[in-house]
């Protein structure tokens, strides 16, 4: 993953191919984030209502959302190679639209039905055709640039207008740790997947600092099964969009865990590690989220009518 910086409002955001690193262990200590508590005063876990998120079938496996790695390397300047190398924003937007359509038939349309030819069962080949439409009509992924946060929010708004979905999206500039967590919880509780960026190193364009993704591992301690996490092979992530599907507070371990979808798999992120990256090499302007919520006022839905056929 490589990212280049031009200015605060025109940063280049690219999502290179899935990297490979050695496994290892690692955790972080949580700060005192403001997070909703349940009736017992404990921090409450929250997840999207659909356990399988956007389930996509490929070669007998069921994936947790889409993956840019399904695109082939067909030459450096081919569209397939552009999506494979820089298409994480398009994947995130496409999965957001599909999730909303899966949860509410009123949000299904001719575009989502490209992927949902078999109803709620989404096949990988249909998903790829659907994603081609999303990219050509909305996200328009560019080589070297990918899709920047503000442009991603703009693309999502254009789709919402076409689909008649009374939501609006904006790129959340420079969120504090507490406010970001509140935004994530707000969206998850409203059953809206959260597009989160682990931005590029800023402003050191050649920097290679990143954060790890984790996989779950259960251990038995005195007859009790305890949940833990081990670093995945993807241990230095930067310049990449993910979808947050849940927030898991673990006060006893002193951490908050985010459940995420990336490359078609379920991973976990330590929120404090992420925020330390934001405060350090990542930067608040590029490491942030697309804030989606109900419109404050109903706008004319004839604005930005249906685009041309895919």
Protein backbone atom coordinates (compact mmCIF):
# COMPACT_ATOMS: atom_id res chain seq x y z
CA UNK A 1 0.00 0.00 0.00
CA UNK A 2 1.37 3.37 -1.03
CA UNK A 3 -0.21 6.76 -0.54
CA UNK A 4 0.76 10.23 -1.70
CA UNK A 5 -0.18 13.59 -0.22
CA UNK A 6 -0.91 16.77 -2.17
CA UNK A 7 -2.81 18.94 0.31
CA UNK A 8 -5.18 18.51 3.25
CA UNK A 9 -8.25 18.41 1.01
CA UNK A 10 -6.78 16.58 -1.98
CA UNK A 11 -4.88 13.70 -0.44
CA UNK A 12 -4.23 10.65 -2.54
CA UNK A 13 -5.65 7.46 -1.05
CA UNK A 14 -4.64 4.14 -2.47
CA UNK A 15 -5.34 0.57 -1.39
CA UNK A 16 -2.64 -1.75 -2.59
CA UNK A 17 -2.86 -5.50 -2.64
CA UNK A 18 -3.23 -7.51 0.52
CA UNK A 19 0.24 -7.64 2.17
CA UNK A 20 1.78 -10.64 3.85
CA UNK A 21 3.62 -10.51 7.16
CA UNK A 22 4.59 -12.92 9.90
CA UNK A 23 2.15 -13.72 12.70
CA UNK A 24 2.73 -12.57 16.25
CA UNK A 25 0.97 -11.42 19.40
CA UNK A 26 0.09 -7.90 20.35
CA UNK A 27 -2.41 -5.86 22.38
CA UNK A 28 -2.87 -2.26 23.49
CA UNK A 29 -4.26 -0.51 26.55
CA UNK A 30 -7.52 1.40 26.13
CA UNK A 31 -8.04 5.02 27.01
CA UNK A 32 -11.22 6.11 28.79
CA UNK A 33 -13.47 6.52 25.77
CA UNK A 34 -17.02 7.73 26.13
CA UNK A 35 -19.06 4.69 25.18
CA UNK A 36 -22.66 3.71 25.88
CA UNK A 37 -23.17 1.53 28.94
CA UNK A 38 -25.85 -1.03 29.63
CA UNK A 39 -28.14 -1.22 32.67
CA UNK A 40 -25.36 -2.78 34.76
CA UNK A 41 -23.04 0.14 34.06
CA UNK A 42 -20.84 -1.96 31.80
CA UNK A 43 -19.81 -0.87 28.33
CA UNK A 44 -22.26 -2.41 25.88
CA UNK A 45 -21.30 -4.44 22.83
CA UNK A 46 -23.08 -3.47 19.62
CA UNK A 47 -23.15 -5.16 16.22
CA UNK A 48 -25.02 -4.89 12.95
CA UNK A 49 -28.31 -6.76 12.87
CA UNK A 50 -27.26 -9.11 10.08
CA UNK A 51 -24.75 -11.64 11.54
CA UNK A 52 -23.24 -12.61 8.18
CA UNK A 53 -22.96 -8.97 7.06
CA UNK A 54 -22.88 -9.23 3.23
CA UNK A 55 -22.39 -12.95 2.60
CA UNK A 56 -20.86 -13.70 -0.80
CA UNK A 57 -20.41 -17.24 -2.12
CA UNK A 58 -17.28 -18.17 -4.04
CA UNK A 59 -15.88 -21.64 -4.76
CA UNK A 60 -17.90 -23.23 -1.97
CA UNK A 61 -16.82 -20.65 0.64
CA UNK A 62 -18.90 -17.87 2.14
CA UNK A 63 -17.11 -14.53 2.44
CA UNK A 64 -17.72 -11.66 4.84
CA UNK A 65 -18.17 -8.89 2.30
CA UNK A 66 -16.35 -8.38 -0.99
CA UNK A 67 -12.65 -8.47 -1.82
CA UNK A 68 -10.60 -6.50 -4.33
CA UNK A 69 -8.34 -9.54 -4.55
CA UNK A 70 -10.98 -11.26 -6.70
CA UNK A 71 -9.83 -9.07 -9.58
CA UNK A 72 -7.06 -10.45 -11.78
CA UNK A 73 -3.76 -8.81 -12.67
CA UNK A 74 -4.46 -8.11 -16.34
CA UNK A 75 -1.78 -5.56 -17.06
CA UNK A 76 -0.70 -2.52 -15.16
CA UNK A 77 -3.19 -0.15 -16.76
CA UNK A 78 -6.17 -2.52 -16.94
CA UNK A 79 -9.32 -1.67 -15.04
CA UNK A 80 -9.11 -5.03 -13.25
CA UNK A 81 -5.64 -4.20 -11.94
CA UNK A 82 -6.77 -0.73 -10.81
CA UNK A 83 -9.59 -2.22 -8.71
CA UNK A 84 -7.30 -4.93 -7.35
CA UNK A 85 -4.70 -2.37 -6.30
CA UNK A 86 -6.80 0.66 -5.33
CA UNK A 87 -10.40 -0.52 -5.08
CA UNK A 88 -11.00 -0.82 -1.34
CA UNK A 89 -13.17 2.32 -1.34
CA UNK A 90 -15.33 0.95 -4.13
CA UNK A 91 -15.66 -2.37 -2.31
CA UNK A 92 -16.68 -0.57 0.89
CA UNK A 93 -19.32 1.56 -0.86
CA UNK A 94 -20.67 -1.42 -2.81
CA UNK A 95 -20.99 -3.51 0.34
CA UNK A 96 -22.72 -0.65 2.18
CA UNK A 97 -25.35 -0.42 -0.58
CA UNK A 98 -25.86 -4.20 -0.62
CA UNK A 99 -26.23 -4.37 3.15
CA UNK A 100 -28.95 -1.71 3.11
CA UNK A 101 -30.71 -3.58 0.26
CA UNK A 102 -30.50 -6.91 2.10
CA UNK A 103 -32.03 -5.38 5.21
CA UNK A 104 -34.86 -3.53 3.43
CA UNK A 105 -36.42 -4.70 0.15
CA UNK A 106 -37.56 -1.12 -0.44
CA UNK A 107 -33.89 -0.22 -0.94
CA UNK A 108 -33.37 -2.77 -3.67
CA UNK A 109 -33.11 -1.47 -7.22
CA UNK A 110 -31.87 -2.40 -10.67
CA UNK A 111 -28.25 -1.94 -9.55
CA UNK A 112 -28.37 -4.05 -6.37
CA UNK A 113 -30.33 -6.73 -8.26
CA UNK A 114 -27.25 -7.26 -10.44
CA UNK A 115 -25.62 -8.84 -7.36
CA UNK A 116 -28.85 -10.21 -5.88
CA UNK A 117 -29.98 -12.27 -8.87
CA UNK A 118 -30.58 -15.21 -6.54
CA UNK A 119 -32.31 -13.15 -3.86
CA UNK A 120 -30.31 -12.83 -0.65
CA UNK A 121 -27.77 -15.35 -1.92
CA UNK A 122 -24.99 -13.37 -3.63
CA UNK A 123 -22.62 -15.18 -5.97
CA UNK A 124 -19.12 -13.83 -6.55
CA UNK A 125 -19.51 -13.55 -10.32
CA UNK A 126 -22.70 -11.49 -9.91
CA UNK A 127 -21.00 -9.38 -7.25
CA UNK A 128 -18.16 -8.52 -9.64
CA UNK A 129 -20.66 -7.38 -12.29
CA UNK A 130 -22.44 -5.28 -9.68
CA UNK A 131 -19.18 -3.71 -8.53
CA UNK A 132 -18.32 -2.76 -12.11
CA UNK A 133 -21.54 -0.75 -12.18
CA UNK A 134 -20.82 0.93 -8.83
CA UNK A 135 -17.35 1.91 -9.98
CA UNK A 136 -18.36 3.17 -13.42
CA UNK A 137 -21.35 5.18 -12.19
CA UNK A 138 -20.31 6.34 -8.72
CA UNK A 139 -16.86 5.79 -7.21
CA UNK A 140 -14.77 5.95 -10.42
CA UNK A 141 -11.58 4.48 -8.91
CA UNK A 142 -8.38 6.08 -10.21
CA UNK A 143 -4.91 4.59 -10.52
CA UNK A 144 -2.52 6.00 -7.89
CA UNK A 145 -5.37 7.95 -6.26
CA UNK A 146 -8.06 5.35 -5.55
CA UNK A 147 -11.07 7.15 -4.05
CA UNK A 148 -10.44 9.88 -1.48
CA UNK A 149 -12.66 10.15 1.59
CA UNK A 150 -14.58 13.27 0.45
CA UNK A 151 -15.11 11.81 -3.03
CA UNK A 152 -16.31 8.54 -1.50
CA UNK A 153 -18.90 10.40 0.59
CA UNK A 154 -20.00 12.31 -2.52
CA UNK A 155 -20.39 9.06 -4.49
CA UNK A 156 -22.47 7.56 -1.69
CA UNK A 157 -24.76 10.60 -1.67
CA UNK A 158 -25.29 10.31 -5.43
CA UNK A 159 -26.30 6.69 -4.98
CA UNK A 160 -28.65 7.55 -2.10
CA UNK A 161 -30.40 10.10 -4.33
CA UNK A 162 -30.77 7.55 -7.14
CA UNK A 163 -32.05 4.86 -4.75
CA UNK A 164 -34.38 7.21 -2.85
CA UNK A 165 -32.62 6.41 0.44
CA UNK A 166 -33.14 9.26 2.89
CA UNK A 167 -29.62 9.14 4.27
CA UNK A 168 -26.76 11.54 3.75
CA UNK A 169 -23.02 10.93 3.98
CA UNK A 170 -20.08 13.18 4.77
CA UNK A 171 -16.37 12.72 5.30
CA UNK A 172 -15.73 13.34 9.01
CA UNK A 173 -12.72 15.67 9.19
CA UNK A 174 -10.44 15.53 12.23
CA UNK A 175 -12.52 13.57 14.76
CA UNK A 176 -11.37 13.18 18.35
CA UNK A 177 -11.06 9.63 19.66
CA UNK A 178 -14.24 9.89 21.74
CA UNK A 179 -16.32 11.49 19.01
CA UNK A 180 -15.21 8.94 16.43
CA UNK A 181 -16.22 6.10 18.72
CA UNK A 182 -19.59 7.77 19.31
CA UNK A 183 -20.12 8.10 15.56
CA UNK A 184 -19.25 4.44 15.03
CA UNK A 185 -21.65 3.32 17.75
CA UNK A 186 -24.39 5.61 16.48
CA UNK A 187 -24.20 4.12 13.00
CA UNK A 188 -23.93 0.50 14.16
CA UNK A 189 -26.97 0.93 16.41
CA UNK A 190 -28.83 2.39 13.41
CA UNK A 191 -27.80 -0.75 11.45
CA UNK A 192 -25.52 1.19 9.10
CA UNK A 193 -22.08 -0.30 8.28
CA UNK A 194 -19.23 2.13 8.97
CA UNK A 195 -16.64 2.86 6.28
CA UNK A 196 -13.42 3.55 8.21
CA UNK A 197 -10.08 4.51 6.72
CA UNK A 198 -6.67 3.52 7.99
CA UNK A 199 -5.18 6.42 6.08
CA UNK A 200 -1.77 6.84 4.47
CA UNK A 201 1.29 7.98 6.38
CA UNK A 202 0.96 11.77 6.47
CA UNK A 203 2.85 13.82 5.44
CA UNK A 204 5.76 11.37 5.09
CA UNK A 205 4.61 9.83 1.81
CA UNK A 206 7.22 7.08 1.82
CA UNK A 207 6.43 6.04 5.40
CA UNK A 208 5.48 2.42 5.99
CA UNK A 209 3.98 2.60 9.50
CA UNK A 210 0.69 0.78 9.97
CA UNK A 211 -1.46 -1.21 12.37
CA UNK A 212 -2.23 -4.93 12.65
CA UNK A 213 -5.46 -6.79 12.04
CA UNK A 214 -6.29 -9.59 14.46
CA UNK A 215 -7.98 -12.98 14.38
CA UNK A 216 -9.89 -14.40 17.36
CA UNK A 217 -8.46 -17.14 19.54
CA UNK A 218 -10.11 -18.70 22.59
CA UNK A 219 -8.11 -19.97 25.56
CA UNK A 220 -9.27 -21.93 28.58
CA UNK A 221 -8.39 -20.51 32.00
CA UNK A 222 -9.50 -22.43 35.11
CA UNK A 223 -12.46 -23.92 33.30
CA UNK A 224 -13.52 -20.64 31.67
CA UNK A 225 -13.13 -19.88 27.99
CA UNK A 226 -11.52 -16.48 27.47
CA UNK A 227 -11.58 -14.62 24.18
CA UNK A 228 -8.31 -13.28 22.89
CA UNK A 229 -6.76 -12.15 19.63
CA UNK A 230 -3.68 -13.06 17.64
CA UNK A 231 -2.14 -10.90 14.94
CA UNK A 232 -3.15 -11.97 11.45
CA UNK A 233 -0.75 -12.12 8.53
CA UNK A 234 -1.90 -8.56 7.78
CA UNK A 235 0.10 -6.80 10.46
CA UNK A 236 1.08 -3.45 8.95
CA UNK A 237 -2.03 -1.94 7.38
CA UNK A 238 -2.20 1.63 6.07
CA UNK A 239 -3.86 3.38 3.13
CA UNK A 240 -6.87 1.08 3.31
CA UNK A 241 -10.65 1.28 3.84
CA UNK A 242 -12.47 -1.27 6.00
CA UNK A 243 -16.09 -1.70 7.10
CA UNK A 244 -16.78 -1.72 10.84
CA UNK A 245 -19.57 -4.18 11.70
CA UNK A 246 -19.35 -4.19 15.50
CA UNK A 247 -17.85 -2.67 18.65
CA UNK A 248 -16.67 -5.04 21.39
CA UNK A 249 -15.69 -3.37 24.69
CA UNK A 250 -13.41 -5.51 26.85
CA UNK A 251 -12.91 -3.47 30.04
CA UNK A 252 -11.22 -6.35 31.90
CA UNK A 253 -8.53 -6.48 29.23
CA UNK A 254 -8.42 -2.69 28.94
CA UNK A 255 -9.31 -2.42 25.27
CA UNK A 256 -12.04 -1.75 22.74
CA UNK A 257 -12.12 -4.05 19.74
CA UNK A 258 -13.66 -3.21 16.37
CA UNK A 259 -15.03 -6.07 14.28
CA UNK A 260 -14.32 -5.32 10.62
CA UNK A 261 -14.74 -6.64 7.09
CA UNK A 262 -11.69 -6.52 4.83
CA UNK A 263 -10.68 -8.61 1.79
CA UNK A 264 -13.86 -10.66 2.25
CA UNK A 265 -12.90 -11.83 5.74
CA UNK A 266 -13.78 -10.92 9.31
CA UNK A 267 -10.90 -9.31 11.21
CA UNK A 268 -10.55 -7.33 14.42
CA UNK A 269 -8.81 -4.02 15.17
CA UNK A 270 -7.68 -2.64 18.51
CA UNK A 271 -9.28 0.81 18.62
CA UNK A 272 -6.51 2.30 20.74
CA UNK A 273 -3.84 1.07 18.34
CA UNK A 274 -5.80 2.69 15.54
CA UNK A 275 -6.10 6.01 17.38
CA UNK A 276 -2.39 6.00 18.19
CA UNK A 277 -1.75 5.59 14.48
CA UNK A 278 -4.13 8.50 13.76
CA UNK A 279 -2.33 10.68 16.33
CA UNK A 280 1.05 9.70 14.89
CA UNK A 281 1.94 8.77 11.31
CA UNK A 282 -1.65 8.52 10.04
CA UNK A 283 -3.17 11.93 10.67
CA UNK A 284 -6.77 12.93 11.49
CA UNK A 285 -7.56 14.23 8.01
CA UNK A 286 -7.07 10.98 6.11
CA UNK A 287 -7.69 8.41 8.87
CA UNK A 288 -11.36 8.94 9.56
CA UNK A 289 -14.81 7.66 8.56
CA UNK A 290 -17.76 8.28 6.27
CA UNK A 291 -20.51 9.51 8.57
CA UNK A 292 -23.91 8.27 7.33
CA UNK A 293 -27.13 9.33 9.02
CA UNK A 294 -30.74 10.18 8.24
CA UNK A 295 -31.24 13.44 6.38
CA UNK A 296 -32.00 16.41 8.58
CA UNK A 297 -34.41 17.60 5.94
CA UNK A 298 -35.95 15.90 2.95
CA UNK A 299 -34.38 17.15 -0.24
CA UNK A 300 -35.82 16.91 -3.74
CA UNK A 301 -35.12 13.31 -4.76
CA UNK A 302 -35.35 14.26 -8.43
CA UNK A 303 -31.92 15.81 -7.92
CA UNK A 304 -29.26 13.54 -9.37
CA UNK A 305 -31.69 11.12 -11.02
CA UNK A 306 -30.82 7.64 -12.16
CA UNK A 307 -27.55 7.49 -14.08
CA UNK A 308 -27.12 5.78 -17.42
CA UNK A 309 -27.32 2.03 -17.78
CA UNK A 310 -24.37 0.00 -16.58
